[in-house]
PDB file of N, CA and C in Angstrom:
ATOM      1  N   MET A   1     -74.080-161.186 -23.998  1.00  0.00           N
ATOM      2  CA  MET A   1     -74.392-160.522 -25.224  1.00  0.00           C
ATOM      3  C   MET A   1     -73.286-159.462 -25.518  1.00  0.00           C
ATOM      4  N   ASN A   2     -72.894-159.401 -26.773  1.00  0.00           N
ATOM      5  CA  ASN A   2     -71.886-158.455 -27.170  1.00  0.00           C
ATOM      6  C   ASN A   2     -72.409-157.065 -27.170  1.00  0.00           C
ATOM      7  N   THR A   3     -71.685-156.054 -26.640  1.00  0.00           N
ATOM      8  CA  THR A   3     -72.222-154.727 -26.506  1.00  0.00           C
ATOM      9  C   THR A   3     -72.286-153.993 -27.823  1.00  0.00           C
ATOM     10  N   VAL A   4     -71.508-154.515 -28.839  1.00  0.00           N
ATOM     11  CA  VAL A   4     -71.507-153.798 -30.146  1.00  0.00           C
ATOM     12  C   VAL A   4     -72.597-154.261 -31.051  1.00  0.00           C
ATOM     13  N   SER A   5     -73.231-155.375 -30.703  1.00  0.00           N
ATOM     14  CA  SER A   5     -74.250-155.951 -31.617  1.00  0.00           C
ATOM     15  C   SER A   5     -75.433-155.020 -31.896  1.00  0.00           C
ATOM     16  N   PRO A   6     -76.001-154.328 -30.956  1.00  0.00           N
ATOM     17  CA  PRO A   6     -77.092-153.408 -31.231  1.00  0.00           C
ATOM     18  C   PRO A   6     -76.699-152.299 -32.170  1.00  0.00           C
ATOM     19  N   PHE A   7     -75.494-151.801 -32.053  1.00  0.00           N
ATOM     20  CA  PHE A   7     -75.036-150.711 -32.946  1.00  0.00           C
ATOM     21  C   PHE A   7     -74.776-151.184 -34.294  1.00  0.00           C
ATOM     22  N   VAL A   8     -74.254-152.412 -34.466  1.00  0.00           N
ATOM     23  CA  VAL A   8     -74.053-152.965 -35.801  1.00  0.00           C
ATOM     24  C   VAL A   8     -75.392-153.276 -36.493  1.00  0.00           C
ATOM     25  N   LEU A   9     -76.297-153.759 -35.664  1.00  0.00           N
ATOM     26  CA  LEU A   9     -77.672-154.084 -36.187  1.00  0.00           C
ATOM     27  C   LEU A   9     -78.364-152.741 -36.660  1.00  0.00           C
ATOM     28  N   LEU A  10     -78.227-151.728 -35.844  1.00  0.00           N
ATOM     29  CA  LEU A  10     -78.821-150.424 -36.267  1.00  0.00           C
ATOM     30  C   LEU A  10     -78.094-149.887 -37.454  1.00  0.00           C
ATOM     31  N   SER A  11     -76.831-149.981 -37.546  1.00  0.00           N
ATOM     32  CA  SER A  11     -76.078-149.580 -38.720  1.00  0.00           C
ATOM     33  C   SER A  11     -76.491-150.309 -39.965  1.00  0.00           C
ATOM     34  N   ALA A  12     -76.668-151.569 -39.838  1.00  0.00           N
ATOM     35  CA  ALA A  12     -77.154-152.395 -41.040  1.00  0.00           C
ATOM     36  C   ALA A  12     -78.563-151.978 -41.475  1.00  0.00           C
ATOM     37  N   LEU A  13     -79.403-151.713 -40.468  1.00  0.00           N
ATOM     38  CA  LEU A  13     -80.784-151.308 -40.766  1.00  0.00           C
ATOM     39  C   LEU A  13     -80.748-149.932 -41.472  1.00  0.00           C
ATOM     40  N   LEU A  14     -79.935-148.976 -41.016  1.00  0.00           N
ATOM     41  CA  LEU A  14     -79.881-147.677 -41.633  1.00  0.00           C
ATOM     42  C   LEU A  14     -79.302-147.787 -43.035  1.00  0.00           C
ATOM     43  N   PHE A  15     -78.253-148.604 -43.164  1.00  0.00           N
ATOM     44  CA  PHE A  15     -77.678-148.765 -44.499  1.00  0.00           C
ATOM     45  C   PHE A  15     -78.676-149.390 -45.500  1.00  0.00           C
ATOM     46  N   THR A  16     -79.467-150.346 -44.998  1.00  0.00           N
ATOM     47  CA  THR A  16     -80.479-150.943 -45.855  1.00  0.00           C
ATOM     48  C   THR A  16     -81.561-149.916 -46.219  1.00  0.00           C
ATOM     49  N   LEU A  17     -81.971-149.070 -45.303  1.00  0.00           N
ATOM     50  CA  LEU A  17     -82.925-148.010 -45.690  1.00  0.00           C
ATOM     51  C   LEU A  17     -82.347-147.030 -46.647  1.00  0.00           C
ATOM     52  N   GLY A  18     -81.044-146.739 -46.539  1.00  0.00           N
ATOM     53  CA  GLY A  18     -80.359-145.879 -47.509  1.00  0.00           C
ATOM     54  C   GLY A  18     -80.369-146.490 -48.936  1.00  0.00           C
ATOM     55  N   VAL A  19     -80.039-147.780 -49.008  1.00  0.00           N
ATOM     56  CA  VAL A  19     -79.970-148.446 -50.314  1.00  0.00           C
ATOM     57  C   VAL A  19     -81.352-148.467 -50.903  1.00  0.00           C
ATOM     58  N   ILE A  20     -82.392-148.786 -50.099  1.00  0.00           N
ATOM     59  CA  ILE A  20     -83.760-148.768 -50.603  1.00  0.00           C
ATOM     60  C   ILE A  20     -84.128-147.390 -51.140  1.00  0.00           C
ATOM     61  N   GLY A  21     -83.708-146.315 -50.376  1.00  0.00           N
ATOM     62  CA  GLY A  21     -84.004-144.988 -50.832  1.00  0.00           C
ATOM     63  C   GLY A  21     -83.339-144.600 -52.130  1.00  0.00           C
ATOM     64  N   VAL A  22     -82.094-145.075 -52.315  1.00  0.00           N
ATOM     65  CA  VAL A  22     -81.404-144.770 -53.555  1.00  0.00           C
ATOM     66  C   VAL A  22     -82.014-145.528 -54.738  1.00  0.00           C
ATOM     67  N   LEU A  23     -82.410-146.763 -54.503  1.00  0.00           N
ATOM     68  CA  LEU A  23     -82.937-147.581 -55.613  1.00  0.00           C
ATOM     69  C   LEU A  23     -84.459-147.202 -55.953  1.00  0.00           C
ATOM     70  N   THR A  24     -85.220-146.695 -55.033  1.00  0.00           N
ATOM     71  CA  THR A  24     -86.584-146.480 -55.315  1.00  0.00           C
ATOM     72  C   THR A  24     -87.019-145.017 -55.575  1.00  0.00           C
ATOM     73  N   ARG A  25     -86.195-144.059 -55.167  1.00  0.00           N
ATOM     74  CA  ARG A  25     -86.560-142.652 -55.297  1.00  0.00           C
ATOM     75  C   ARG A  25     -86.180-142.132 -56.620  1.00  0.00           C
ATOM     76  N   ARG A  26     -86.892-141.123 -57.149  1.00  0.00           N
ATOM     77  CA  ARG A  26     -86.534-140.465 -58.441  1.00  0.00           C
ATOM     78  C   ARG A  26     -86.114-139.016 -58.200  1.00  0.00           C
ATOM     79  N   ASN A  27     -86.360-138.492 -56.968  1.00  0.00           N
ATOM     80  CA  ASN A  27     -85.993-137.116 -56.615  1.00  0.00           C
ATOM     81  C   ASN A  27     -84.513-137.094 -56.269  1.00  0.00           C
ATOM     82  N   ALA A  28     -83.700-136.232 -56.927  1.00  0.00           N
ATOM     83  CA  ALA A  28     -82.299-136.184 -56.682  1.00  0.00           C
ATOM     84  C   ALA A  28     -81.962-135.829 -55.251  1.00  0.00           C
ATOM     85  N   ILE A  29     -82.724-134.965 -54.593  1.00  0.00           N
ATOM     86  CA  ILE A  29     -82.404-134.583 -53.199  1.00  0.00           C
ATOM     87  C   ILE A  29     -82.674-135.766 -52.313  1.00  0.00           C
ATOM     88  N   LEU A  30     -83.746-136.560 -52.492  1.00  0.00           N
ATOM     89  CA  LEU A  30     -83.963-137.751 -51.716  1.00  0.00           C
ATOM     90  C   LEU A  30     -82.882-138.789 -51.896  1.00  0.00           C
ATOM     91  N   ILE A  31     -82.471-138.966 -53.103  1.00  0.00           N
ATOM     92  CA  ILE A  31     -81.344-139.892 -53.365  1.00  0.00           C
ATOM     93  C   ILE A  31     -80.087-139.398 -52.613  1.00  0.00           C
ATOM     94  N   PHE A  32     -79.896-138.127 -52.682  1.00  0.00           N
ATOM     95  CA  PHE A  32     -78.740-137.542 -51.993  1.00  0.00           C
ATOM     96  C   PHE A  32     -78.817-137.810 -50.428  1.00  0.00           C
ATOM     97  N   MET A  33     -79.992-137.597 -49.922  1.00  0.00           N
ATOM     98  CA  MET A  33     -80.182-137.867 -48.430  1.00  0.00           C
ATOM     99  C   MET A  33     -80.012-139.300 -48.143  1.00  0.00           C
ATOM    100  N   SER A  34     -80.408-140.225 -49.051  1.00  0.00           N
ATOM    101  CA  SER A  34     -80.227-141.660 -48.778  1.00  0.00           C
ATOM    102  C   SER A  34     -78.748-142.035 -48.803  1.00  0.00           C
ATOM    103  N   ILE A  35     -77.989-141.397 -49.676  1.00  0.00           N
ATOM    104  CA  ILE A  35     -76.541-141.650 -49.678  1.00  0.00           C
ATOM    105  C   ILE A  35     -75.915-141.167 -48.387  1.00  0.00           C
ATOM    106  N   GLU A  36     -76.348-140.020 -47.918  1.00  0.00           N
ATOM    107  CA  GLU A  36     -75.812-139.496 -46.623  1.00  0.00           C
ATOM    108  C   GLU A  36     -76.185-140.438 -45.465  1.00  0.00           C
ATOM    109  N   LEU A  37     -77.385-141.014 -45.561  1.00  0.00           N
ATOM    110  CA  LEU A  37     -77.814-142.025 -44.553  1.00  0.00           C
ATOM    111  C   LEU A  37     -76.907-143.292 -44.588  1.00  0.00           C
ATOM    112  N   MET A  38     -76.491-143.700 -45.712  1.00  0.00           N
ATOM    113  CA  MET A  38     -75.588-144.845 -45.834  1.00  0.00           C
ATOM    114  C   MET A  38     -74.216-144.479 -45.308  1.00  0.00           C
ATOM    115  N   LEU A  39     -73.757-143.313 -45.548  1.00  0.00           N
ATOM    116  CA  LEU A  39     -72.453-142.905 -45.022  1.00  0.00           C
ATOM    117  C   LEU A  39     -72.468-142.812 -43.507  1.00  0.00           C
ATOM    118  N   ASN A  40     -73.575-142.296 -42.958  1.00  0.00           N
ATOM    119  CA  ASN A  40     -73.631-142.203 -41.465  1.00  0.00           C
ATOM    120  C   ASN A  40     -73.818-143.565 -40.788  1.00  0.00           C
ATOM    121  N   SER A  41     -74.438-144.487 -41.506  1.00  0.00           N
ATOM    122  CA  SER A  41     -74.554-145.809 -40.980  1.00  0.00           C
ATOM    123  C   SER A  41     -73.213-146.511 -40.895  1.00  0.00           C
ATOM    124  N   ALA A  42     -72.326-146.246 -41.950  1.00  0.00           N
ATOM    125  CA  ALA A  42     -70.967-146.774 -41.944  1.00  0.00           C
ATOM    126  C   ALA A  42     -70.180-146.136 -40.763  1.00  0.00           C
ATOM    127  N   ASN A  43     -70.420-144.844 -40.572  1.00  0.00           N
ATOM    128  CA  ASN A  43     -69.702-144.172 -39.494  1.00  0.00           C
ATOM    129  C   ASN A  43     -70.132-144.728 -38.106  1.00  0.00           C
ATOM    130  N   LEU A  44     -71.379-145.127 -37.952  1.00  0.00           N
ATOM    131  CA  LEU A  44     -71.813-145.712 -36.687  1.00  0.00           C
ATOM    132  C   LEU A  44     -71.131-147.121 -36.526  1.00  0.00           C
ATOM    133  N   ALA A  45     -70.969-147.838 -37.551  1.00  0.00           N
ATOM    134  CA  ALA A  45     -70.282-149.161 -37.458  1.00  0.00           C
ATOM    135  C   ALA A  45     -68.794-148.939 -37.140  1.00  0.00           C
ATOM    136  N   PHE A  46     -68.160-147.986 -37.781  1.00  0.00           N
ATOM    137  CA  PHE A  46     -66.767-147.681 -37.440  1.00  0.00           C
ATOM    138  C   PHE A  46     -66.545-147.347 -35.983  1.00  0.00           C
ATOM    139  N   VAL A  47     -67.400-146.476 -35.457  1.00  0.00           N
ATOM    140  CA  VAL A  47     -67.280-146.083 -34.069  1.00  0.00           C
ATOM    141  C   VAL A  47     -67.585-147.239 -33.111  1.00  0.00           C
ATOM    142  N   ALA A  48     -68.579-148.020 -33.463  1.00  0.00           N
ATOM    143  CA  ALA A  48     -68.883-149.152 -32.558  1.00  0.00           C
ATOM    144  C   ALA A  48     -67.734-150.171 -32.499  1.00  0.00           C
ATOM    145  N   PHE A  49     -67.178-150.464 -33.623  1.00  0.00           N
ATOM    146  CA  PHE A  49     -66.037-151.404 -33.598  1.00  0.00           C
ATOM    147  C   PHE A  49     -64.780-150.842 -32.963  1.00  0.00           C
ATOM    148  N   ALA A  50     -64.550-149.572 -33.196  1.00  0.00           N
ATOM    149  CA  ALA A  50     -63.403-148.900 -32.554  1.00  0.00           C
ATOM    150  C   ALA A  50     -63.565-148.907 -31.039  1.00  0.00           C
ATOM    151  N   HIS A  51     -64.785-148.660 -30.579  1.00  0.00           N
ATOM    152  CA  HIS A  51     -65.003-148.665 -29.133  1.00  0.00           C
ATOM    153  C   HIS A  51     -64.821-150.144 -28.579  1.00  0.00           C
ATOM    154  N   GLN A  52     -65.331-151.152 -29.316  1.00  0.00           N
ATOM    155  CA  GLN A  52     -65.113-152.493 -28.876  1.00  0.00           C
ATOM    156  C   GLN A  52     -63.682-152.903 -28.760  1.00  0.00           C
ATOM    157  N   TRP A  53     -62.867-152.542 -29.722  1.00  0.00           N
ATOM    158  CA  TRP A  53     -61.445-152.946 -29.720  1.00  0.00           C
ATOM    159  C   TRP A  53     -60.539-151.950 -28.985  1.00  0.00           C
ATOM    160  N   GLY A  54     -61.071-150.786 -28.513  1.00  0.00           N
ATOM    161  CA  GLY A  54     -60.312-149.822 -27.848  1.00  0.00           C
ATOM    162  C   GLY A  54     -59.271-149.121 -28.700  1.00  0.00           C
ATOM    163  N   GLN A  55     -59.561-148.971 -29.922  1.00  0.00           N
ATOM    164  CA  GLN A  55     -58.616-148.348 -30.840  1.00  0.00           C
ATOM    165  C   GLN A  55     -59.218-147.054 -31.360  1.00  0.00           C
ATOM    166  N   LEU A  56     -58.368-146.163 -31.897  1.00  0.00           N
ATOM    167  CA  LEU A  56     -58.841-144.898 -32.423  1.00  0.00           C
ATOM    168  C   LEU A  56     -58.987-144.919 -33.957  1.00  0.00           C
ATOM    169  N   ASP A  57     -58.695-146.061 -34.579  1.00  0.00           N
ATOM    170  CA  ASP A  57     -58.744-146.115 -36.022  1.00  0.00           C
ATOM    171  C   ASP A  57     -60.113-145.857 -36.555  1.00  0.00           C
ATOM    172  N   GLY A  58     -61.144-146.323 -35.890  1.00  0.00           N
ATOM    173  CA  GLY A  58     -62.566-146.093 -36.293  1.00  0.00           C
ATOM    174  C   GLY A  58     -62.898-144.615 -36.301  1.00  0.00           C
ATOM    175  N   GLN A  59     -62.448-143.926 -35.240  1.00  0.00           N
ATOM    176  CA  GLN A  59     -62.773-142.509 -35.189  1.00  0.00           C
ATOM    177  C   GLN A  59     -62.034-141.743 -36.264  1.00  0.00           C
ATOM    178  N   MET A  60     -60.843-142.167 -36.603  1.00  0.00           N
ATOM    179  CA  MET A  60     -60.083-141.526 -37.709  1.00  0.00           C
ATOM    180  C   MET A  60     -60.807-141.712 -39.118  1.00  0.00           C
ATOM    181  N   PHE A  61     -61.265-142.918 -39.307  1.00  0.00           N
ATOM    182  CA  PHE A  61     -62.061-143.184 -40.522  1.00  0.00           C
ATOM    183  C   PHE A  61     -63.298-142.351 -40.555  1.00  0.00           C
ATOM    184  N   VAL A  62     -64.031-142.244 -39.422  1.00  0.00           N
ATOM    185  CA  VAL A  62     -65.185-141.328 -39.430  1.00  0.00           C
ATOM    186  C   VAL A  62     -64.890-139.964 -39.730  1.00  0.00           C
ATOM    187  N   PHE A  63     -63.767-139.463 -39.205  1.00  0.00           N
ATOM    188  CA  PHE A  63     -63.355-138.094 -39.522  1.00  0.00           C
ATOM    189  C   PHE A  63     -63.144-137.906 -41.037  1.00  0.00           C
ATOM    190  N   PHE A  64     -62.542-138.818 -41.701  1.00  0.00           N
ATOM    191  CA  PHE A  64     -62.288-138.753 -43.153  1.00  0.00           C
ATOM    192  C   PHE A  64     -63.567-138.967 -43.908  1.00  0.00           C
ATOM    193  N   VAL A  65     -64.403-139.773 -43.487  1.00  0.00           N
ATOM    194  CA  VAL A  65     -65.737-139.996 -44.153  1.00  0.00           C
ATOM    195  C   VAL A  65     -66.578-138.713 -44.027  1.00  0.00           C
ATOM    196  N   MET A  66     -66.547-138.084 -42.860  1.00  0.00           N
ATOM    197  CA  MET A  66     -67.325-136.861 -42.653  1.00  0.00           C
ATOM    198  C   MET A  66     -66.735-135.734 -43.529  1.00  0.00           C
ATOM    199  N   ALA A  67     -65.423-135.674 -43.712  1.00  0.00           N
ATOM    200  CA  ALA A  67     -64.787-134.645 -44.556  1.00  0.00           C
ATOM    201  C   ALA A  67     -65.202-134.922 -46.076  1.00  0.00           C
ATOM    202  N   VAL A  68     -65.205-136.155 -46.466  1.00  0.00           N
ATOM    203  CA  VAL A  68     -65.623-136.451 -47.857  1.00  0.00           C
ATOM    204  C   VAL A  68     -67.163-136.134 -47.970  1.00  0.00           C
ATOM    205  N   ALA A  69     -67.926-136.442 -47.001  1.00  0.00           N
ATOM    206  CA  ALA A  69     -69.367-136.182 -47.060  1.00  0.00           C
ATOM    207  C   ALA A  69     -69.676-134.705 -47.147  1.00  0.00           C
ATOM    208  N   ALA A  70     -68.850-133.900 -46.438  1.00  0.00           N
ATOM    209  CA  ALA A  70     -69.000-132.435 -46.449  1.00  0.00           C
ATOM    210  C   ALA A  70     -68.695-131.921 -47.854  1.00  0.00           C
ATOM    211  N   ALA A  71     -67.679-132.402 -48.468  1.00  0.00           N
ATOM    212  CA  ALA A  71     -67.307-132.012 -49.832  1.00  0.00           C
ATOM    213  C   ALA A  71     -68.392-132.494 -50.831  1.00  0.00           C
ATOM    214  N   GLU A  72     -68.947-133.676 -50.625  1.00  0.00           N
ATOM    215  CA  GLU A  72     -69.952-134.183 -51.441  1.00  0.00           C
ATOM    216  C   GLU A  72     -71.211-133.295 -51.385  1.00  0.00           C
ATOM    217  N   VAL A  73     -71.530-132.896 -50.164  1.00  0.00           N
ATOM    218  CA  VAL A  73     -72.721-132.010 -50.046  1.00  0.00           C
ATOM    219  C   VAL A  73     -72.509-130.693 -50.744  1.00  0.00           C
ATOM    220  N   ALA A  74     -71.368-130.136 -50.662  1.00  0.00           N
ATOM    221  CA  ALA A  74     -71.132-128.880 -51.306  1.00  0.00           C
ATOM    222  C   ALA A  74     -71.211-128.961 -52.752  1.00  0.00           C
ATOM    223  N   VAL A  75     -70.584-129.934 -53.347  1.00  0.00           N
ATOM    224  CA  VAL A  75     -70.545-130.145 -54.813  1.00  0.00           C
ATOM    225  C   VAL A  75     -71.970-130.643 -55.253  1.00  0.00           C
ATOM    226  N   GLY A  76     -72.465-131.660 -54.609  1.00  0.00           N
ATOM    227  CA  GLY A  76     -73.743-132.257 -55.017  1.00  0.00           C
ATOM    228  C   GLY A  76     -74.899-131.291 -55.000  1.00  0.00           C
ATOM    229  N   LEU A  77     -75.054-130.532 -53.942  1.00  0.00           N
ATOM    230  CA  LEU A  77     -76.092-129.573 -53.854  1.00  0.00           C
ATOM    231  C   LEU A  77     -75.933-128.479 -54.875  1.00  0.00           C
ATOM    232  N   ALA A  78     -74.715-128.064 -55.158  1.00  0.00           N
ATOM    233  CA  ALA A  78     -74.511-127.041 -56.170  1.00  0.00           C
ATOM    234  C   ALA A  78     -74.981-127.617 -57.582  1.00  0.00           C
ATOM    235  N   LEU A  79     -74.636-128.862 -57.854  1.00  0.00           N
ATOM    236  CA  LEU A  79     -75.123-129.473 -59.076  1.00  0.00           C
ATOM    237  C   LEU A  79     -76.608-129.599 -59.158  1.00  0.00           C
ATOM    238  N   ILE A  80     -77.194-129.977 -58.044  1.00  0.00           N
ATOM    239  CA  ILE A  80     -78.659-130.139 -58.014  1.00  0.00           C
ATOM    240  C   ILE A  80     -79.312-128.760 -58.229  1.00  0.00           C
ATOM    241  N   VAL A  81     -78.870-127.743 -57.601  1.00  0.00           N
ATOM    242  CA  VAL A  81     -79.471-126.402 -57.801  1.00  0.00           C
ATOM    243  C   VAL A  81     -79.297-125.910 -59.183  1.00  0.00           C
ATOM    244  N   THR A  82     -78.118-126.161 -59.808  1.00  0.00           N
ATOM    245  CA  THR A  82     -77.866-125.726 -61.192  1.00  0.00           C
ATOM    246  C   THR A  82     -78.817-126.506 -62.135  1.00  0.00           C
ATOM    247  N   ILE A  83     -78.965-127.772 -61.921  1.00  0.00           N
ATOM    248  CA  ILE A  83     -79.864-128.595 -62.785  1.00  0.00           C
ATOM    249  C   ILE A  83     -81.296-128.171 -62.592  1.00  0.00           C
ATOM    250  N   PHE A  84     -81.661-127.825 -61.326  1.00  0.00           N
ATOM    251  CA  PHE A  84     -83.035-127.409 -61.109  1.00  0.00           C
ATOM    252  C   PHE A  84     -83.324-126.086 -61.784  1.00  0.00           C
ATOM    253  N   ARG A  85     -82.319-125.190 -61.836  1.00  0.00           N
ATOM    254  CA  ARG A  85     -82.518-123.904 -62.488  1.00  0.00           C
ATOM    255  C   ARG A  85     -82.726-124.110 -63.992  1.00  0.00           C
ATOM    256  N   SER A  86     -82.067-125.039 -64.578  1.00  0.00           N
ATOM    257  CA  SER A  86     -82.207-125.209 -66.008  1.00  0.00           C
ATOM    258  C   SER A  86     -83.395-126.076 -66.451  1.00  0.00           C
ATOM    259  N   LYS A  87     -83.687-127.090 -65.656  1.00  0.00           N
ATOM    260  CA  LYS A  87     -84.736-128.055 -65.984  1.00  0.00           C
ATOM    261  C   LYS A  87     -86.049-127.867 -65.181  1.00  0.00           C
ATOM    262  N   LYS A  88     -86.048-127.083 -64.115  1.00  0.00           N
ATOM    263  CA  LYS A  88     -87.208-126.862 -63.237  1.00  0.00           C
ATOM    264  C   LYS A  88     -87.697-128.184 -62.649  1.00  0.00           C
ATOM    265  N   SER A  89     -86.732-129.094 -62.408  1.00  0.00           N
ATOM    266  CA  SER A  89     -87.133-130.435 -61.872  1.00  0.00           C
ATOM    267  C   SER A  89     -85.904-131.050 -61.254  1.00  0.00           C
ATOM    268  N   THR A  90     -86.072-131.804 -60.181  1.00  0.00           N
ATOM    269  CA  THR A  90     -85.044-132.590 -59.601  1.00  0.00           C
ATOM    270  C   THR A  90     -85.213-134.083 -59.791  1.00  0.00           C
ATOM    271  N   ASN A  91     -86.093-134.390 -60.789  1.00  0.00           N
ATOM    272  CA  ASN A  91     -86.319-135.848 -61.119  1.00  0.00           C
ATOM    273  C   ASN A  91     -85.113-136.336 -61.880  1.00  0.00           C
ATOM    274  N   VAL A  92     -84.562-137.483 -61.455  1.00  0.00           N
ATOM    275  CA  VAL A  92     -83.382-138.023 -62.110  1.00  0.00           C
ATOM    276  C   VAL A  92     -83.656-138.564 -63.488  1.00  0.00           C
ATOM    277  N   ASP A  93     -84.929-138.891 -63.828  1.00  0.00           N
ATOM    278  CA  ASP A  93     -85.264-139.352 -65.132  1.00  0.00           C
ATOM    279  C   ASP A  93     -85.134-138.179 -66.167  1.00  0.00           C
ATOM    280  N   ASP A  94     -85.287-136.995 -65.735  1.00  0.00           N
ATOM    281  CA  ASP A  94     -85.149-135.824 -66.608  1.00  0.00           C
ATOM    282  C   ASP A  94     -83.636-135.559 -66.897  1.00  0.00           C
ATOM    283  N   LEU A  95     -82.756-136.141 -66.152  1.00  0.00           N
ATOM    284  CA  LEU A  95     -81.341-135.846 -66.325  1.00  0.00           C
ATOM    285  C   LEU A  95     -80.766-136.523 -67.598  1.00  0.00           C
ATOM    286  N   SER A  96     -81.423-137.484 -68.160  1.00  0.00           N
ATOM    287  CA  SER A  96     -80.946-138.150 -69.314  1.00  0.00           C
ATOM    288  C   SER A  96     -80.970-137.239 -70.499  1.00  0.00           C
ATOM    289  N   GLN A  97     -81.766-136.165 -70.487  1.00  0.00           N
ATOM    290  CA  GLN A  97     -81.781-135.184 -71.570  1.00  0.00           C
ATOM    291  C   GLN A  97     -80.587-134.272 -71.561  1.00  0.00           C
ATOM    292  N   LEU A  98     -79.739-134.362 -70.567  1.00  0.00           N
ATOM    293  CA  LEU A  98     -78.541-133.584 -70.542  1.00  0.00           C
ATOM    294  C   LEU A  98     -77.396-134.145 -71.266  1.00  0.00           C
ATOM    295  N   LYS A  99     -77.536-135.270 -71.868  1.00  0.00           N
ATOM    296  CA  LYS A  99     -76.527-135.878 -72.621  1.00  0.00           C
ATOM    297  C   LYS A  99     -76.105-135.048 -73.775  1.00  0.00           C
ATOM    298  N   GLY A 100     -74.790-134.927 -73.999  1.00  0.00           N
ATOM    299  CA  GLY A 100     -74.322-134.075 -75.150  1.00  0.00           C
ATOM    300  C   GLY A 100     -74.444-134.789 -76.416  1.00  0.00           C
TER     301      GLY A 100
END
């Protein structure tokens, strides 16, 4: 049995849960958490394949993905807090009222 298979299976499961969360949730914070779950599942796959092939490319990709995720968290949470202050809700259906 290939040693990377359980990690790739777990990564696929986590990614699927993230996609389901994005498609079914209406709360912006839960959608945001589902996107982070999808990013982390991709990181797990990167590290698993990098370990299998003995290369550092996967760890470098993970570093860049984590840097982008950190920037996304900073900007995304700031937007969510600003929208919550004006609309008193984090429901994404209420965001359609923000159209100019």
